[in-house]
Protein backbone atom coordinates (compact mmCIF):
# COMPACT_ATOMS: atom_id res chain seq x y z
CA MET A 1 84.15 92.32 60.56
CA ALA A 2 84.79 88.80 61.34
CA SER A 3 85.81 86.52 58.69
CA THR A 4 83.38 84.20 57.02
CA ALA A 5 85.82 81.85 55.59
CA TRP A 6 84.99 78.07 55.90
CA SER A 7 87.46 75.46 56.81
CA PRO A 8 87.74 72.31 54.51
CA SER A 9 86.29 70.16 57.30
CA ALA A 10 83.22 71.96 57.44
CA ILE A 11 82.31 70.96 53.95
CA PHE A 12 82.40 67.29 54.74
CA SER A 13 81.13 67.64 58.74
CA PRO A 14 77.67 69.18 59.42
CA THR A 15 78.48 69.58 63.04
CA VAL A 16 81.78 71.66 62.46
CA ALA A 17 79.70 73.82 59.72
CA ARG A 18 77.13 74.57 62.68
CA GLN A 19 79.94 75.36 65.06
CA GLN A 20 81.75 77.81 62.62
CA GLN A 21 78.44 79.43 61.63
CA ALA A 22 77.75 79.94 65.47
CA GLN A 23 81.18 81.59 65.88
CA ALA A 24 80.64 83.84 62.82
CA LYS A 25 77.58 85.06 64.25
CA ASP A 26 79.13 85.80 67.81
CA TRP A 27 81.85 87.79 66.13
CA ASN A 28 79.50 89.73 64.22
CA TYR A 29 77.71 90.60 67.26
CA VAL A 30 81.04 91.45 69.20
CA ASP A 31 82.07 93.67 66.32
CA THR A 32 78.96 95.46 66.30
CA TRP A 33 78.96 96.15 69.72
CA LEU A 34 82.46 97.42 69.96
CA THR A 35 81.66 99.69 66.95
CA ALA A 36 78.99 101.16 69.05
CA LYS A 37 81.26 101.44 71.93
CA PHE A 38 83.79 103.20 70.18
CA GLY A 39 81.59 105.69 68.26
CA GLY A 40 81.87 104.28 64.77
CA ARG A 41 85.67 104.42 64.78
CA THR A 42 87.49 101.10 64.15
CA ALA A 43 88.35 99.14 67.24
CA PRO A 44 91.94 98.50 68.15
CA ALA A 45 93.46 95.07 66.86
CA PHE A 46 93.51 92.18 68.97
CA GLU A 47 94.04 88.43 68.81
CA ARG A 48 90.90 86.60 67.72
CA ASN A 49 90.57 83.23 69.38
CA ALA A 50 88.00 81.40 71.09
CA ASP A 51 89.15 82.48 74.51
CA THR A 52 88.92 86.27 73.29
CA LEU A 53 85.56 85.54 72.00
CA LYS A 54 84.21 84.15 75.12
CA ALA A 55 85.55 87.13 77.43
CA LEU A 56 84.15 89.75 74.68
CA LEU A 57 80.78 88.23 74.66
CA LEU A 58 80.64 87.97 78.54
CA LEU A 59 81.75 91.77 78.95
CA ALA A 60 79.12 92.75 76.03
CA ALA A 61 76.25 90.88 78.12
CA TRP A 62 77.26 92.60 81.24
CA ASN A 63 77.56 95.96 79.60
CA GLU A 64 74.24 95.66 78.36
CA ASN A 65 72.93 94.49 81.37
CA ALA A 66 74.29 97.57 82.93
CA ASP A 67 73.00 99.92 80.31
CA GLU A 68 69.52 98.27 80.71
CA GLU A 69 69.32 99.02 84.50
CA ARG A 70 70.87 102.51 83.95
CA ASP A 71 67.95 103.48 81.57
CA LEU A 72 65.41 101.66 84.01
CA VAL A 73 66.74 103.98 86.95
CA ALA A 74 66.62 107.19 84.55
CA ARG A 75 63.16 106.34 83.62
CA LEU A 76 61.85 105.81 87.20
CA ASP A 77 63.63 109.22 88.22
CA ALA A 78 61.94 111.26 85.51
CA ARG A 79 58.60 109.70 86.33
CA ALA A 80 58.77 110.19 90.03
CA LEU A 81 59.95 113.88 89.29
CA ALA A 82 56.87 114.19 86.88
CA GLU A 83 54.59 112.95 89.38
CA LEU A 84 55.94 115.14 92.18
CA LYS A 85 55.74 118.26 89.87
CA GLU A 86 51.95 117.37 89.13
CA GLU A 87 51.54 116.69 92.84
CA ILE A 88 52.77 120.02 93.73
CA ALA A 89 50.90 121.76 90.72
CA THR A 90 47.73 120.20 92.05
CA ASP A 91 48.03 120.68 95.82
CA PRO A 92 45.92 123.46 97.13
CA ASP A 93 48.36 124.30 99.79
CA THR A 94 51.00 125.49 97.26
CA GLU A 95 49.66 128.81 96.57
CA ILE A 96 49.71 129.44 100.51
CA LEU A 97 53.09 128.03 100.77
CA SER A 98 54.27 130.23 97.87
CA ALA A 99 52.74 133.31 99.38
CA ILE A 100 54.43 132.67 103.00
CA SER A 101 57.64 132.06 101.18
CA ALA A 102 57.35 135.31 99.36
CA HIS A 103 56.76 137.25 102.52
CA LEU A 104 59.30 135.85 104.86
CA THR A 105 62.14 137.83 105.89
CA ARG A 106 65.73 137.23 105.37
CA ASP A 107 66.21 135.86 108.77
CA GLY A 108 63.16 133.71 108.47
CA ARG A 109 64.06 132.29 105.04
CA GLN A 110 67.68 131.44 106.62
CA SER A 111 65.90 129.84 109.13
CA LEU A 112 63.58 127.75 107.33
CA ASP A 113 66.47 126.76 105.02
CA ALA A 114 68.49 125.73 108.06
CA LEU A 115 65.79 123.66 109.47
CA SER A 116 65.07 121.87 106.24
CA GLY A 117 68.82 121.35 105.49
CA LEU A 118 69.35 119.98 108.87
CA ALA A 119 66.34 117.64 108.62
CA ALA A 120 67.68 116.54 105.06
CA MET A 121 71.09 115.85 106.65
CA LEU A 122 69.72 113.79 109.48
CA HIS A 123 67.30 111.91 107.29
CA SER A 124 64.54 112.95 109.56
CA THR A 125 60.77 113.15 108.26
CA SER A 126 59.90 115.83 110.85
CA VAL A 127 61.35 119.60 110.96
CA HIS A 128 59.93 120.15 114.47
CA PRO A 129 62.83 121.67 116.38
CA PRO A 130 62.60 119.38 119.81
CA HIS A 131 62.80 116.28 117.44
CA LEU A 132 65.70 117.67 115.45
CA ALA A 133 67.74 118.76 118.60
CA GLN A 134 67.09 115.13 119.99
CA GLU A 135 68.52 113.81 116.51
CA VAL A 136 71.46 116.02 117.24
CA LEU A 137 72.20 114.98 120.59
CA SER A 138 71.68 111.21 119.44
CA LEU A 139 74.18 111.84 116.74
CA THR A 140 76.57 113.85 119.21
CA SER A 141 76.47 110.74 121.65
CA ASN A 142 77.08 108.21 118.80
CA ALA A 143 80.08 110.26 117.46
CA ALA A 144 81.57 110.41 120.91
CA ALA A 145 81.01 106.70 121.32
CA LEU A 146 82.67 105.97 118.07
CA THR A 147 85.67 108.45 118.63
CA GLN A 148 86.28 106.14 121.90
CA GLN A 149 86.08 102.97 120.16
CA HIS A 150 88.44 104.24 117.56
CA ALA A 151 90.71 105.35 120.18
CA ARG A 152 90.73 101.73 121.68
CA VAL A 153 91.00 100.16 118.27
CA SER A 154 93.89 102.30 117.54
CA PHE A 155 95.42 101.40 120.78
CA THR A 156 94.91 97.63 120.12
CA GLN A 157 96.39 98.24 116.92
CA SER A 158 99.61 99.63 118.14
CA ARG A 159 99.99 96.94 120.77
CA MET A 160 99.62 94.45 118.06
CA GLU A 161 101.76 96.15 115.66
CA ALA A 162 104.38 95.99 118.39
CA GLU A 163 103.87 92.58 119.22
CA ILE A 164 104.09 91.51 115.69
CA SER A 165 107.56 93.59 115.51
CA ARG A 166 108.87 91.65 118.56
CA LEU A 167 107.70 88.25 117.00
CA LYS A 168 109.75 89.42 113.78
CA CYS A 169 112.97 90.14 115.69
CA LEU A 170 112.47 86.68 117.61
CA LEU A 171 111.80 84.91 114.16
CA GLU A 172 115.09 86.48 112.65
CA GLN A 173 117.00 85.50 115.79
CA LEU A 174 115.44 81.81 115.44
CA GLN A 175 116.48 81.78 111.57
CA SER A 176 119.94 83.00 112.34
CA ARG A 177 123.06 80.76 112.28
CA ALA A 178 123.25 80.73 116.19
CA PHE A 179 119.97 78.41 116.05
CA SER A 180 120.72 76.67 112.91
CA THR A 181 121.27 72.97 112.61
CA PRO A 182 125.07 71.96 112.58
CA ASP A 183 126.53 70.90 109.21
CA ALA A 184 128.00 67.82 110.68
CA LEU A 185 124.58 66.77 112.64
CA LEU A 186 123.47 64.45 110.04
CA ALA A 187 126.87 62.59 109.77
CA GLN A 188 127.09 62.52 113.80
CA THR A 189 123.48 61.08 113.73
CA SER A 190 124.13 58.42 111.45
CA GLU A 191 127.51 57.57 113.30
CA TRP A 192 125.60 57.23 116.64
CA THR A 193 123.03 55.15 114.90
CA ARG A 194 125.39 52.66 113.49
CA GLU A 195 127.36 52.60 117.03
CA THR A 196 124.15 52.04 118.56
CA LYS A 197 123.08 48.94 116.51
CA LYS A 198 126.90 47.61 117.14
CA LEU A 199 126.58 48.06 120.92
CA GLY A 200 122.93 46.72 120.95
CA VAL A 201 124.40 43.48 118.92
CA LYS A 202 127.09 43.33 121.69
CA VAL A 203 124.92 43.66 124.65
CA ALA A 204 122.77 40.78 123.14
CA SER A 205 125.92 38.42 122.80
CA TYR A 206 127.11 39.38 126.16
CA LYS A 207 123.71 38.43 127.75
CA ASP A 208 123.76 35.16 125.74
CA ARG A 209 127.31 34.39 126.84
CA ILE A 210 126.34 34.95 130.64
CA ALA A 211 123.31 32.95 130.42
CA ALA A 212 125.44 30.27 129.02
CA ARG A 213 127.80 29.97 131.67
CA PRO A 214 126.81 27.94 134.83
CA GLY A 215 126.98 29.36 138.39
CA ILE A 216 126.02 32.90 136.85
CA GLN A 217 122.64 34.51 137.62
CA ALA A 218 121.49 35.81 134.47
CA ASP A 219 118.51 37.47 135.85
CA TRP A 220 119.17 41.00 137.09
CA PRO A 221 117.34 43.07 139.59
CA SER A 222 114.51 45.25 138.29
CA LEU A 223 114.57 49.09 139.02
CA ALA A 224 112.05 48.87 141.63
CA GLU A 225 114.23 46.02 143.73
CA VAL A 226 117.21 48.56 143.19
CA GLY A 227 115.27 51.52 144.55
CA GLN A 228 114.24 49.40 147.55
CA GLN A 229 117.71 48.31 148.33
CA GLU A 230 118.88 52.05 148.01
CA GLU A 231 116.34 52.99 150.30
CA GLU A 232 117.34 50.26 152.97
CA VAL A 233 121.05 51.51 152.49
CA ARG A 234 120.06 54.81 153.15
CA GLN A 235 118.08 53.81 156.29
CA GLY A 236 121.01 51.62 157.76
CA LEU A 237 123.50 54.82 157.33
CA GLU A 238 121.00 57.11 159.19
CA ARG A 239 120.97 54.65 161.94
CA VAL A 240 124.67 54.20 161.98
CA ARG A 241 125.01 58.10 162.30
CA GLU A 242 122.77 57.97 164.94
CA LEU A 243 124.86 55.61 166.84
CA GLU A 244 127.89 57.34 166.34
CA GLY A 245 126.28 60.36 167.99
CA ARG A 246 125.19 58.62 170.78
CA LEU A 247 128.54 56.90 171.29
CA ARG A 248 130.39 60.45 171.07
CA ARG A 249 128.74 61.14 174.43
CA PHE A 250 130.62 58.52 176.21
CA HIS A 251 134.07 59.43 174.49
CA ARG A 252 135.75 60.43 177.99
CA VAL A 253 134.24 57.32 179.97
CA PRO A 254 137.30 54.50 180.31
CA VAL A 255 136.78 51.22 178.40
CA GLU A 256 137.51 49.16 181.40
CA ARG A 257 134.10 48.15 183.39
CA GLU A 258 135.31 48.98 187.02
CA ARG A 259 137.07 52.22 185.94
CA ALA A 260 133.79 53.21 183.94
CA LYS A 261 131.67 52.64 187.32
CA ALA A 262 134.34 54.54 189.30
CA GLU A 263 133.98 57.54 187.03
CA VAL A 264 130.22 57.24 186.99
CA GLU A 265 130.17 57.61 190.86
CA ARG A 266 132.58 60.56 190.72
CA VAL A 267 130.43 62.26 188.30
CA ARG A 268 127.46 61.62 190.63
CA ARG A 269 129.25 62.97 193.62
CA GLU A 270 130.07 66.07 191.63
CA LEU A 271 126.65 66.49 190.58
CA ALA A 272 125.27 66.12 194.30
CA ARG A 273 128.15 68.93 195.47
CA VAL A 274 127.06 71.28 192.75
CA THR A 275 123.19 70.95 193.83
CA ARG A 276 123.79 71.58 197.58
CA GLU A 277 126.29 74.39 196.60
CA ARG A 278 123.14 75.84 194.52
CA ASP A 279 120.47 75.19 197.31
CA ARG A 280 123.07 77.09 199.80
CA LEU A 281 123.39 80.20 197.37
CA PHE A 282 119.66 80.11 196.85
CA GLU A 283 119.02 80.35 200.38
CA THR A 284 121.47 82.89 201.15
CA LEU A 285 120.01 85.02 198.23
CA VAL A 286 116.46 84.49 200.11
CA GLU A 287 117.66 85.33 203.43
CA GLY A 288 119.36 88.69 202.39
CA GLU A 289 115.99 89.58 200.42
CA GLY A 290 114.05 89.02 203.73
CA GLY A 291 116.30 91.07 205.84
CA GLU A 292 116.28 94.17 203.61
CA GLY A 293 112.34 93.70 203.64
């Protein structure tokens, strides 16, 4: 049982006295409940403090609620069973049903039991065979649909497990030494930062010195102007290559003007001679075909 000893502060403090009195009542209630649950035997020893008392009070309350609900369900079941027995006893058809059941053959009794068992399994309120057959067909269709869904879910699960395994392997590779940060990266980054700051200071100093010198233009072209000048240079190079191609056509022409004219006249005469020779050969070919015809 709980100790009823009072602390010295309770004698001079009514609030503390009330708290200790309430705590003593709670321990008395818990001890009584434990004794009832252990069938009159002494409960195992445990530490007695405020947290333990709070937990035991909560457990006792839950247990009593569960006991009350169980008793209520038991009373309702007993009452329903008594009412059912009374209804059967007062039912005028009971004697007829008993007589029919007594005169049933073995096969008839088995068939009746099968129908009643099937109706109970299907939770059906009717034992009409077509209705039960429809229920069985619906149940079979639902079972087939569930089987297909289970197969699809299993396939999806296997694909997801395979993908998870692949991602785990990829994660292990990414966490390996090959993808780890070099040990000297921090030192290199710090060194590059210092060098960048030094170069920035030097660039600013050089710009000031250039701007201070007379005759030196401090304004540099922009990126757009540089791009435009680059495009003009590229177009100039294309024009030069085009002119060089045209000049290569005249590489056999003499440099002197008179000799160049003479060479042009010679080429014209040669062209006229080749043209006449072509015409003569064509006329000969045409006359030969006409003679054969």
